[in-house]
Amino acid sequence: MSRKNKKVLKYHTGFNLNIGFIVFFVIIIYVIFHIFTYFTSNPVSEYEVQQGTIATNNIYKGMIIREESVVYAEESGNLNYFVSNGSKVATSDVVYSVDTDGSIANQITGAQNDASAITDEAAGQIITDINSFSSGYNRRYFSKVYTFKNDLSAQLTQVLSQNALTSLADTISTAEANNTFYTYKPTAPGIVYYGIDGYEDVTTDSFTLDQYNNTNYEETDLTDNSTINQLDPVYKLITSENWNILINVPDNVAKSLNDKSVIKIRFCDDDYTTTVSFSLLKKDDAFFLKLNMKNSLIRYINERFTNIELVLGADTGLKIPNSAITKKKEFFTIPKDYFTASGDSDDSSLMIKDKSSGSVI
């Protein structure tokens, strides 16, 4: 067997271009470039802006003025009320009674503890009031819960008292004949309120700055009394649903409103907004806004002073946060005469001299 020489020759192929490697390399360069620019440039912040209203509002204290008068007791004895606080009454409605010997008053008081005597109509009204209060409840004004609780308790008591007045009709007739029991009706139709504060005779013409700025305001709750003496205040009767709010405003606000007759206001306690007519008054060199209200009297019957916001103007547009506003940079306005033509060019140029080096740019 002859020995064969075997020689392996290497085959040279052409350059093989790897597309996948090139794509990967480009992506790496792209990522490195963006990482570099992210850390070396100022990032651009993005903000979402929405259409809104920027209003210039002013909040002031308002003093409420109503047409009201205090009713005084004609006899002394045990006291019972038959109308709920803030209710409208006619001249035929019994508002309260006075029992001089206390026998019938005790029976009326006993009937107040019998909840089974509540009619479906009265129960429905109480449920409606509770639902209405719950739907409009605001945690910022939690103290109003106690006011509502007292009003609801008084309403329930007076409903039961009214039922007792009906069921004891024969006994009451006998006591009235013996001049030991008296029932009283209002002399004019109006709204009954069981509280006095000394402002009942104040009008928009007679009020004083001391009354407006009173920091020790107090109201006396008349329903706390179970007995009454002759000529003691027994309730207050509001005879008109037209009422006023007096607001002390600065001179510049009064001047801006001088040529207007209506204004939009907001009650801060419950966010109720309305537009009302007004007039300007001057009292001891102070300007007062007299708001003319024609509704919502019962809504604010428990208030003598309340915070009012005057909505004086509003601008509508895109609301941009302050953080989105860039820093202000100084710039200078240069008169056109300082610019000159440069050489053969028609373009204008400006020569600037550096004070520190004296060089001209």
Protein backbone atom coordinates (compact mmCIF):
# COMPACT_ATOMS: atom_id res chain seq x y z
CA MET A 1 0.00 0.00 0.00
CA SER A 2 1.43 3.26 -0.99
CA ARG A 3 1.42 6.04 1.50
CA LYS A 4 -0.73 8.98 0.48
CA ASN A 5 0.13 12.50 1.47
CA LYS A 6 -2.88 14.37 2.64
CA LYS A 7 -2.78 18.14 2.77
CA VAL A 8 -5.66 20.15 4.25
CA LEU A 9 -6.19 23.49 2.62
CA LYS A 10 -8.09 26.27 4.42
CA TYR A 11 -10.92 27.73 2.38
CA HIS A 12 -11.15 31.49 2.66
CA THR A 13 -14.65 32.81 2.45
CA GLY A 14 -15.71 36.43 2.04
CA PHE A 15 -16.67 38.75 4.91
CA ASN A 16 -19.99 37.65 6.43
CA LEU A 17 -22.05 40.65 7.61
CA ASN A 18 -24.12 39.83 10.74
CA ILE A 19 -27.25 42.02 10.58
CA GLY A 20 -28.37 41.02 14.08
CA PHE A 21 -25.08 42.22 15.58
CA ILE A 22 -25.37 45.58 13.81
CA VAL A 23 -28.94 46.13 15.03
CA PHE A 24 -27.94 45.24 18.58
CA PHE A 25 -24.94 47.59 18.38
CA VAL A 26 -27.12 50.49 17.18
CA ILE A 27 -29.59 49.90 20.03
CA ILE A 28 -26.77 49.93 22.59
CA ILE A 29 -25.44 53.21 21.20
CA TYR A 30 -28.94 54.68 21.24
CA VAL A 31 -29.52 53.70 24.87
CA ILE A 32 -26.11 55.01 25.95
CA PHE A 33 -26.80 58.32 24.18
CA HIS A 34 -30.14 58.82 25.93
CA ILE A 35 -28.70 57.91 29.33
CA PHE A 36 -25.93 60.44 28.76
CA THR A 37 -28.31 63.21 27.69
CA TYR A 38 -30.67 62.47 30.60
CA PHE A 39 -27.95 63.08 33.19
CA THR A 40 -26.30 66.01 31.41
CA SER A 41 -29.38 68.06 30.38
CA ASN A 42 -32.12 69.78 32.31
CA PRO A 43 -35.19 67.51 32.34
CA VAL A 44 -38.41 68.88 30.90
CA SER A 45 -41.29 68.61 33.36
CA GLU A 46 -44.70 67.71 32.06
CA TYR A 47 -47.89 69.10 33.60
CA GLU A 48 -51.49 68.32 32.88
CA VAL A 49 -53.61 71.47 32.80
CA GLN A 50 -57.37 71.66 32.81
CA GLN A 51 -59.97 74.23 31.88
CA GLY A 52 -61.08 76.08 35.01
CA THR A 53 -62.05 79.35 36.62
CA ILE A 54 -59.88 81.59 38.76
CA ALA A 55 -62.16 83.79 40.83
CA THR A 56 -61.35 86.81 42.97
CA ASN A 57 -63.50 86.29 46.04
CA ASN A 58 -63.94 88.19 49.28
CA ILE A 59 -65.32 86.78 52.54
CA TYR A 60 -66.94 89.11 55.08
CA LYS A 61 -69.10 88.86 58.16
CA GLY A 62 -72.77 89.53 57.52
CA MET A 63 -75.37 90.67 60.05
CA ILE A 64 -78.90 89.43 59.35
CA ILE A 65 -81.81 91.86 59.78
CA ARG A 66 -85.42 90.62 59.78
CA GLU A 67 -88.86 92.06 60.45
CA GLU A 68 -89.42 90.43 63.85
CA SER A 69 -91.04 91.20 67.18
CA VAL A 70 -90.98 89.56 70.60
CA VAL A 71 -94.24 88.23 72.07
CA TYR A 72 -94.56 88.44 75.86
CA ALA A 73 -96.55 86.22 78.20
CA GLU A 74 -99.88 87.56 79.48
CA GLU A 75 -100.12 85.14 82.43
CA SER A 76 -97.79 83.25 84.77
CA GLY A 77 -97.75 79.46 85.02
CA ASN A 78 -96.61 76.26 83.37
CA LEU A 79 -95.61 76.67 79.73
CA ASN A 80 -96.21 74.34 76.77
CA TYR A 81 -95.42 74.95 73.09
CA PHE A 82 -97.50 73.51 70.23
CA VAL A 83 -95.65 74.74 67.12
CA SER A 84 -92.19 73.62 66.05
CA ASN A 85 -89.38 76.15 65.78
CA GLY A 86 -89.23 77.89 62.40
CA SER A 87 -92.80 76.96 61.42
CA LYS A 88 -95.21 79.21 59.57
CA VAL A 89 -98.34 79.99 61.57
CA ALA A 90 -101.69 81.59 60.87
CA THR A 91 -103.77 83.63 63.29
CA SER A 92 -105.89 80.50 63.96
CA ASP A 93 -102.96 78.36 65.19
CA VAL A 94 -102.28 77.83 68.90
CA VAL A 95 -98.61 78.62 69.57
CA TYR A 96 -98.38 78.09 73.33
CA SER A 97 -100.42 77.62 76.50
CA VAL A 98 -100.08 78.71 80.13
CA ASP A 99 -101.55 76.61 82.93
CA THR A 100 -101.83 78.52 86.20
CA ASP A 101 -102.32 75.48 88.44
CA GLY A 102 -100.24 72.98 86.43
CA SER A 103 -102.79 70.14 86.27
CA ILE A 104 -103.33 70.16 82.50
CA ALA A 105 -99.71 71.04 81.83
CA ASN A 106 -98.69 67.86 83.62
CA GLN A 107 -101.02 65.80 81.42
CA ILE A 108 -99.59 67.44 78.30
CA THR A 109 -96.05 66.74 79.54
CA GLY A 110 -97.01 63.10 80.19
CA ALA A 111 -98.36 62.80 76.65
CA GLN A 112 -95.01 63.98 75.32
CA ASN A 113 -93.48 60.71 76.52
CA ASP A 114 -95.98 58.56 74.58
CA ALA A 115 -94.35 58.08 71.16
CA SER A 116 -97.22 55.86 70.03
CA ALA A 117 -99.37 58.96 69.65
CA ILE A 118 -97.29 60.25 66.73
CA THR A 119 -99.29 60.32 63.50
CA ASP A 120 -97.98 58.90 60.24
CA GLU A 121 -97.88 62.40 58.78
CA ALA A 122 -95.74 63.73 61.64
CA ALA A 123 -93.42 60.71 61.50
CA GLY A 124 -93.02 61.16 57.75
CA GLN A 125 -92.07 64.80 58.19
CA ILE A 126 -89.46 63.90 60.82
CA ILE A 127 -87.95 61.27 58.52
CA THR A 128 -87.85 63.80 55.67
CA ASP A 129 -86.03 66.30 57.90
CA ILE A 130 -83.47 63.66 58.94
CA ASN A 131 -82.81 62.63 55.35
CA SER A 132 -82.49 66.24 54.27
CA PHE A 133 -79.97 66.97 57.03
CA SER A 134 -77.98 63.80 56.27
CA SER A 135 -77.71 64.56 52.56
CA GLY A 136 -76.40 68.07 53.23
CA TYR A 137 -74.15 67.19 56.19
CA ASN A 138 -70.62 68.60 56.16
CA ARG A 139 -68.05 67.39 58.68
CA ARG A 140 -66.54 70.86 58.84
CA TYR A 141 -69.66 72.05 60.65
CA PHE A 142 -70.14 69.22 63.12
CA SER A 143 -71.63 71.60 65.71
CA LYS A 144 -74.75 71.82 63.52
CA VAL A 145 -75.49 68.20 64.49
CA TYR A 146 -76.33 69.35 68.03
CA THR A 147 -78.48 72.20 66.71
CA PHE A 148 -80.37 69.76 64.50
CA LYS A 149 -80.75 67.31 67.40
CA ASN A 150 -82.29 70.02 69.60
CA ASP A 151 -84.59 71.20 66.81
CA LEU A 152 -85.72 67.64 66.12
CA SER A 153 -86.37 67.00 69.81
CA ALA A 154 -88.38 70.21 70.08
CA GLN A 155 -90.35 69.30 66.94
CA LEU A 156 -91.19 65.86 68.32
CA THR A 157 -92.23 67.31 71.69
CA GLN A 158 -94.48 69.89 70.09
CA VAL A 159 -96.15 67.32 67.82
CA LEU A 160 -97.01 65.23 70.87
CA SER A 161 -98.20 68.33 72.72
CA GLN A 162 -100.51 69.19 69.83
CA ASN A 163 -101.98 65.67 69.97
CA ALA A 164 -102.49 66.06 73.72
CA LEU A 165 -104.26 69.37 73.16
CA THR A 166 -106.75 67.58 70.92
CA SER A 167 -107.30 64.59 73.20
CA LEU A 168 -107.81 66.81 76.27
CA ALA A 169 -110.27 69.15 74.57
CA ASP A 170 -113.07 68.67 77.13
CA THR A 171 -110.77 69.11 80.13
CA ILE A 172 -109.19 72.19 78.55
CA SER A 173 -112.60 73.76 77.89
CA THR A 174 -113.49 73.40 81.58
CA ALA A 175 -110.14 74.87 82.70
CA GLU A 176 -110.51 77.81 80.29
CA ALA A 177 -113.96 78.51 81.74
CA ASN A 178 -112.37 78.56 85.22
CA ASN A 179 -109.59 80.89 84.02
CA THR A 180 -106.83 78.41 84.93
CA PHE A 181 -105.71 77.47 81.42
CA TYR A 182 -104.95 79.84 78.54
CA THR A 183 -104.06 79.19 74.92
CA TYR A 184 -102.50 81.88 72.74
CA LYS A 185 -102.55 82.49 69.00
CA PRO A 186 -100.42 84.97 67.02
CA THR A 187 -101.86 88.39 66.26
CA ALA A 188 -100.51 88.18 62.67
CA PRO A 189 -99.36 85.39 60.35
CA GLY A 190 -95.64 84.77 60.35
CA ILE A 191 -92.83 82.43 61.36
CA VAL A 192 -92.34 81.36 64.98
CA TYR A 193 -88.87 81.31 66.49
CA TYR A 194 -88.07 80.37 70.09
CA GLY A 195 -85.01 82.51 70.70
CA ILE A 196 -84.17 86.16 71.42
CA ASP A 197 -80.88 88.08 71.20
CA GLY A 198 -81.72 91.77 71.62
CA TYR A 199 -81.49 92.52 67.88
CA GLU A 200 -85.22 92.21 67.23
CA ASP A 201 -85.76 95.99 66.95
CA VAL A 202 -82.62 96.66 64.88
CA THR A 203 -83.21 97.85 61.32
CA THR A 204 -80.96 98.61 58.36
CA ASP A 205 -81.27 102.30 59.26
CA SER A 206 -80.87 102.11 63.05
CA PHE A 207 -78.04 99.58 63.43
CA THR A 208 -74.71 100.66 64.95
CA LEU A 209 -71.10 99.62 64.39
CA ASP A 210 -70.98 98.23 67.95
CA GLN A 211 -73.89 95.93 67.14
CA TYR A 212 -72.18 94.77 63.96
CA ASN A 213 -68.80 94.23 65.65
CA ASN A 214 -70.28 92.55 68.74
CA THR A 215 -67.83 89.82 69.84
CA ASN A 216 -69.93 88.76 72.85
CA TYR A 217 -73.08 87.87 70.95
CA GLU A 218 -75.44 85.52 72.80
CA GLU A 219 -78.89 84.11 72.10
CA THR A 220 -81.36 82.96 74.74
CA ASP A 221 -83.23 79.72 74.04
CA LEU A 222 -86.80 80.18 75.29
CA THR A 223 -87.70 76.49 75.08
CA ASP A 224 -85.50 75.79 78.12
CA ASN A 225 -88.24 77.21 80.35
CA SER A 226 -91.03 74.98 81.67
CA THR A 227 -92.63 77.84 83.61
CA ILE A 228 -93.05 81.48 82.74
CA ASN A 229 -93.89 84.74 84.45
CA GLN A 230 -96.17 87.44 83.17
CA LEU A 231 -94.41 89.77 80.67
CA ASP A 232 -91.54 87.31 80.12
CA PRO A 233 -90.60 86.77 76.45
CA VAL A 234 -92.30 83.61 75.17
CA TYR A 235 -91.45 83.54 71.45
CA LYS A 236 -90.48 85.70 68.50
CA LEU A 237 -92.68 86.27 65.44
CA ILE A 238 -91.10 87.03 62.05
CA THR A 239 -93.73 88.73 59.93
CA SER A 240 -92.00 89.01 56.52
CA GLU A 241 -89.97 86.63 54.38
CA ASN A 242 -88.03 89.59 52.96
CA TRP A 243 -84.84 90.10 54.91
CA ASN A 244 -81.46 91.83 54.65
CA ILE A 245 -77.81 91.11 55.26
CA LEU A 246 -75.46 93.97 56.18
CA ILE A 247 -71.79 93.56 55.23
CA ASN A 248 -69.00 96.00 56.07
CA VAL A 249 -66.80 96.25 52.96
CA PRO A 250 -63.55 98.17 52.27
CA ASP A 251 -63.67 101.45 50.38
CA ASN A 252 -62.15 99.95 47.22
CA VAL A 253 -64.79 97.19 47.10
CA ALA A 254 -67.58 99.73 47.64
CA LYS A 255 -66.16 101.86 44.81
CA SER A 256 -66.01 98.88 42.44
CA LEU A 257 -69.68 98.10 43.16
CA ASN A 258 -70.90 101.68 42.86
CA ASP A 259 -72.30 101.23 39.35
CA LYS A 260 -73.82 97.77 39.93
CA SER A 261 -77.18 96.68 41.33
CA VAL A 262 -76.87 92.88 41.66
CA ILE A 263 -74.14 90.64 43.03
CA LYS A 264 -73.44 86.92 43.34
CA ILE A 265 -72.89 85.70 46.91
CA ARG A 266 -72.07 82.42 48.63
CA PHE A 267 -73.00 81.39 52.17
CA CYS A 268 -69.80 79.87 53.58
CA ASP A 269 -71.63 77.64 56.09
CA ASP A 270 -73.36 75.47 53.50
CA ASP A 271 -71.99 76.66 50.12
CA TYR A 272 -75.40 77.96 49.04
CA THR A 273 -74.94 80.40 46.13
CA THR A 274 -77.41 82.97 44.84
CA THR A 275 -77.59 86.32 43.07
CA VAL A 276 -79.27 89.21 44.89
CA SER A 277 -79.88 92.92 44.51
CA PHE A 278 -78.04 95.31 46.82
CA SER A 279 -77.46 98.91 47.76
CA LEU A 280 -74.61 100.76 49.48
CA LEU A 281 -74.96 102.43 52.87
CA LYS A 282 -72.54 104.60 54.81
CA LYS A 283 -72.46 104.42 58.59
CA ASP A 284 -69.88 106.41 60.58
CA ASP A 285 -67.49 106.65 57.61
CA ALA A 286 -67.78 102.89 56.96
CA PHE A 287 -69.35 101.42 53.84
CA PHE A 288 -71.97 98.69 54.20
CA LEU A 289 -73.46 96.47 51.56
CA LYS A 290 -77.19 95.90 52.11
CA LEU A 291 -78.18 92.63 50.46
CA ASN A 292 -81.89 92.29 49.70
CA MET A 293 -82.97 88.68 50.29
CA LYS A 294 -86.36 87.39 49.18
CA ASN A 295 -86.02 83.68 49.95
CA SER A 296 -84.21 81.17 52.20
CA LEU A 297 -85.30 82.96 55.40
CA ILE A 298 -86.11 79.73 57.27
CA ARG A 299 -82.84 78.19 56.04
CA TYR A 300 -80.87 80.71 58.10
CA ILE A 301 -83.40 81.44 60.82
CA ASN A 302 -80.98 80.23 63.51
CA GLU A 303 -78.28 82.70 62.43
CA ARG A 304 -77.78 86.34 63.31
CA PHE A 305 -74.22 86.54 61.97
CA THR A 306 -72.90 84.48 59.06
CA ASN A 307 -69.90 84.56 56.73
CA ILE A 308 -70.69 85.68 53.19
CA GLU A 309 -68.42 85.42 50.17
CA LEU A 310 -68.81 88.09 47.50
CA VAL A 311 -68.00 86.62 44.09
CA LEU A 312 -66.75 89.77 42.42
CA GLY A 313 -65.17 88.37 39.28
CA ALA A 314 -63.84 85.27 37.55
CA ASP A 315 -61.41 84.51 34.69
CA THR A 316 -61.84 81.34 32.66
CA GLY A 317 -58.95 79.52 30.99
CA LEU A 318 -56.27 76.88 31.47
CA LYS A 319 -55.19 76.60 35.10
CA ILE A 320 -51.37 76.26 35.17
CA PRO A 321 -49.66 75.45 38.51
CA ASN A 322 -46.98 77.83 39.79
CA SER A 323 -44.41 75.02 39.69
CA ALA A 324 -44.80 74.86 35.91
CA ILE A 325 -43.73 78.47 35.44
CA THR A 326 -40.06 78.80 34.44
CA LYS A 327 -37.70 81.16 36.22
CA LYS A 328 -37.70 84.70 34.98
CA LYS A 329 -34.56 85.79 33.12
CA GLU A 330 -33.35 89.35 32.64
CA PHE A 331 -33.41 90.80 29.17
CA PHE A 332 -32.76 94.21 27.72
CA THR A 333 -34.56 96.19 25.06
CA ILE A 334 -32.06 97.85 22.69
CA PRO A 335 -33.13 100.73 20.44
CA LYS A 336 -33.02 99.99 16.71
CA ASP A 337 -30.61 102.90 16.13
CA TYR A 338 -27.82 100.96 17.86
CA PHE A 339 -27.77 98.33 15.09
CA THR A 340 -25.46 98.84 12.09
CA ALA A 341 -24.88 97.11 8.75
CA SER A 342 -21.92 94.73 8.75
CA GLY A 343 -19.61 95.06 5.70
CA ASP A 344 -21.18 94.21 2.40
CA SER A 345 -24.04 92.39 4.05
CA ASP A 346 -27.45 93.87 4.49
CA ASP A 347 -27.81 92.12 7.82
CA SER A 348 -27.77 94.33 10.90
CA SER A 349 -25.42 93.62 13.77
CA LEU A 350 -24.69 94.95 17.22
CA MET A 351 -21.30 95.55 18.81
CA ILE A 352 -21.01 94.77 22.51
CA LYS A 353 -18.07 95.86 24.68
CA ASP A 354 -17.06 93.74 27.66
CA LYS A 355 -16.34 96.08 30.58
CA SER A 356 -13.99 93.70 32.33
CA SER A 357 -11.73 92.90 29.38
CA GLY A 358 -12.40 95.87 27.12
CA SER A 359 -12.86 93.59 24.13
CA VAL A 360 -15.54 94.25 21.57
CA ILE A 361 -17.76 91.44 20.42
